[in-house]
Protein backbone atom coordinates (compact mmCIF):
# COMPACT_ATOMS: atom_id res chain seq x y z
CA UNK A 1 -37.11 75.64 -49.68
CA UNK A 2 -36.00 72.51 -47.86
CA UNK A 3 -34.52 69.70 -49.80
CA UNK A 4 -34.54 66.02 -49.13
CA UNK A 5 -30.92 66.22 -47.90
CA UNK A 6 -31.92 68.77 -45.22
CA UNK A 7 -34.57 66.38 -43.90
CA UNK A 8 -32.20 63.44 -43.89
CA UNK A 9 -29.53 65.37 -41.94
CA UNK A 10 -32.15 66.17 -39.21
CA UNK A 11 -31.50 69.87 -39.59
CA UNK A 12 -34.37 72.24 -39.21
CA UNK A 13 -35.17 74.24 -42.35
CA UNK A 14 -34.23 77.90 -42.09
CA UNK A 15 -36.83 79.98 -40.29
CA UNK A 16 -38.39 76.98 -38.50
CA UNK A 17 -38.87 77.09 -34.76
CA UNK A 18 -36.75 74.58 -32.91
CA UNK A 19 -37.85 73.41 -29.45
CA UNK A 20 -35.58 75.88 -27.63
CA UNK A 21 -37.15 78.77 -29.54
CA UNK A 22 -40.81 77.91 -28.87
CA UNK A 23 -42.36 80.65 -26.75
CA UNK A 24 -43.09 79.64 -23.14
CA UNK A 25 -46.74 78.77 -22.77
CA UNK A 26 -48.89 79.10 -19.68
CA UNK A 27 -49.66 75.36 -19.75
CA UNK A 28 -46.71 74.65 -17.49
CA UNK A 29 -48.08 76.85 -14.72
CA UNK A 30 -51.63 75.42 -14.81
CA UNK A 31 -52.44 72.16 -13.15
CA UNK A 32 -54.80 69.88 -15.01
CA UNK A 33 -57.58 68.33 -12.95
CA UNK A 34 -58.23 64.97 -14.55
CA UNK A 35 -61.17 64.25 -12.23
CA UNK A 36 -63.10 67.32 -13.35
CA UNK A 37 -65.74 66.64 -16.01
CA UNK A 38 -65.27 68.04 -19.48
CA UNK A 39 -67.62 70.84 -20.55
CA UNK A 40 -69.81 68.33 -22.44
CA UNK A 41 -69.96 66.00 -19.45
CA UNK A 42 -70.78 68.91 -17.13
CA UNK A 43 -73.65 69.93 -19.43
CA UNK A 44 -75.01 66.38 -19.41
CA UNK A 45 -74.86 66.21 -15.61
CA UNK A 46 -76.65 69.56 -15.44
CA UNK A 47 -79.30 68.36 -17.92
CA UNK A 48 -80.01 65.16 -15.99
CA UNK A 49 -80.22 67.11 -12.72
CA UNK A 50 -82.50 69.73 -14.21
CA UNK A 51 -84.90 67.15 -15.67
CA UNK A 52 -85.07 65.11 -12.47
CA UNK A 53 -85.54 68.18 -10.25
CA UNK A 54 -88.61 69.07 -12.29
CA UNK A 55 -90.16 65.68 -11.53
CA UNK A 56 -89.65 65.28 -7.79
CA UNK A 57 -91.17 66.76 -4.63
CA UNK A 58 -87.73 67.19 -3.00
CA UNK A 59 -85.57 68.82 -5.72
CA UNK A 60 -82.90 69.87 -3.22
CA UNK A 61 -82.05 66.21 -2.58
CA UNK A 62 -81.37 65.27 -6.22
CA UNK A 63 -77.83 63.99 -6.78
CA UNK A 64 -76.34 63.04 -10.14
CA UNK A 65 -73.22 60.89 -10.17
CA UNK A 66 -71.12 60.09 -13.22
CA UNK A 67 -69.57 56.67 -13.76
CA UNK A 68 -67.65 55.22 -16.67
CA UNK A 69 -67.89 51.64 -17.93
CA UNK A 70 -67.04 49.68 -21.05
CA UNK A 71 -70.11 50.89 -22.91
CA UNK A 72 -69.82 54.60 -22.12
CA UNK A 73 -70.90 57.05 -19.45
CA UNK A 74 -73.46 56.15 -16.79
CA UNK A 75 -75.32 58.91 -14.98
CA UNK A 76 -76.61 57.66 -11.64
CA UNK A 77 -79.56 59.55 -10.19
CA UNK A 78 -80.20 59.47 -6.45
CA UNK A 79 -83.36 61.08 -5.07
CA UNK A 80 -85.29 61.23 -1.80
CA UNK A 81 -86.89 57.84 -1.02
CA UNK A 82 -90.39 59.32 -1.42
CA UNK A 83 -89.53 60.40 -4.97
CA UNK A 84 -88.38 57.03 -6.32
CA UNK A 85 -91.86 56.28 -7.66
CA UNK A 86 -92.07 59.65 -9.38
CA UNK A 87 -88.79 59.03 -11.21
CA UNK A 88 -89.66 55.49 -12.24
CA UNK A 89 -93.31 56.11 -13.13
CA UNK A 90 -95.89 53.51 -14.06
CA UNK A 91 -94.18 50.53 -15.66
CA UNK A 92 -90.96 52.58 -15.87
CA UNK A 93 -92.32 55.02 -18.42
CA UNK A 94 -90.93 58.17 -16.79
CA UNK A 95 -87.49 56.56 -16.35
CA UNK A 96 -87.47 55.40 -19.97
CA UNK A 97 -88.51 58.86 -21.19
CA UNK A 98 -85.71 60.41 -19.12
CA UNK A 99 -83.22 57.96 -20.65
CA UNK A 100 -84.40 58.76 -24.18
CA UNK A 101 -84.07 62.52 -23.70
CA UNK A 102 -80.56 62.17 -22.27
CA UNK A 103 -79.52 59.79 -25.07
CA UNK A 104 -80.87 62.24 -27.65
CA UNK A 105 -78.87 65.08 -26.08
CA UNK A 106 -75.74 62.89 -26.08
CA UNK A 107 -75.91 62.34 -29.82
CA UNK A 108 -74.50 65.85 -30.25
CA UNK A 109 -71.22 64.69 -28.69
CA UNK A 110 -71.28 61.24 -30.31
CA UNK A 111 -71.13 59.54 -26.92
CA UNK A 112 -73.00 56.58 -25.48
CA UNK A 113 -74.77 57.37 -22.21
CA UNK A 114 -77.05 55.54 -19.82
CA UNK A 115 -79.16 56.78 -16.93
CA UNK A 116 -79.61 54.60 -13.86
CA UNK A 117 -81.75 55.28 -10.82
CA UNK A 118 -79.74 54.59 -7.70
CA UNK A 119 -81.34 53.44 -4.47
CA UNK A 120 -79.96 52.84 -1.01
CA UNK A 121 -80.82 49.12 -1.20
CA UNK A 122 -77.84 46.81 -0.96
CA UNK A 123 -79.28 44.35 -3.44
CA UNK A 124 -79.33 45.16 -7.14
CA UNK A 125 -82.70 43.60 -7.83
CA UNK A 126 -84.53 44.79 -10.94
CA UNK A 127 -87.75 46.60 -10.14
CA UNK A 128 -89.60 45.08 -13.09
CA UNK A 129 -88.79 41.73 -14.61
CA UNK A 130 -89.03 42.13 -18.37
CA UNK A 131 -90.01 38.45 -18.77
CA UNK A 132 -93.09 38.80 -16.58
CA UNK A 133 -96.03 40.65 -18.06
CA UNK A 134 -97.60 41.13 -14.65
CA UNK A 135 -95.99 41.01 -11.21
CA UNK A 136 -98.42 39.82 -8.56
CA UNK A 137 -97.92 40.85 -4.93
CA UNK A 138 -97.02 38.06 -2.49
């Protein structure tokens, strides 16, 4: 049994492993890839891709990108230009449903996620202005 004097003298109690006696682990030989997604992140990317591929006419062109910001993880979805309307849906209903499903799946990992639909446009103009009830064509 170790006493208070043993702890004060910085001596290891008898039978304790000191750093020189710790068995060599395989962690030294493995390189850690910090850019690789964690298993939970990989599952979320796979989920987003699977859901979007089921909605579009060109499933082979679905790309899911992962970004990180102050609020959490952002999954950017890029699809064939003909499929943008299918992903957004009328009044954004399909996009909102996709976001809700992904957020519900993320509650298991206690993480905050967002899904954004990425386009090739240079301008980041919202597709629907939430202040306008009806957008009239010009």
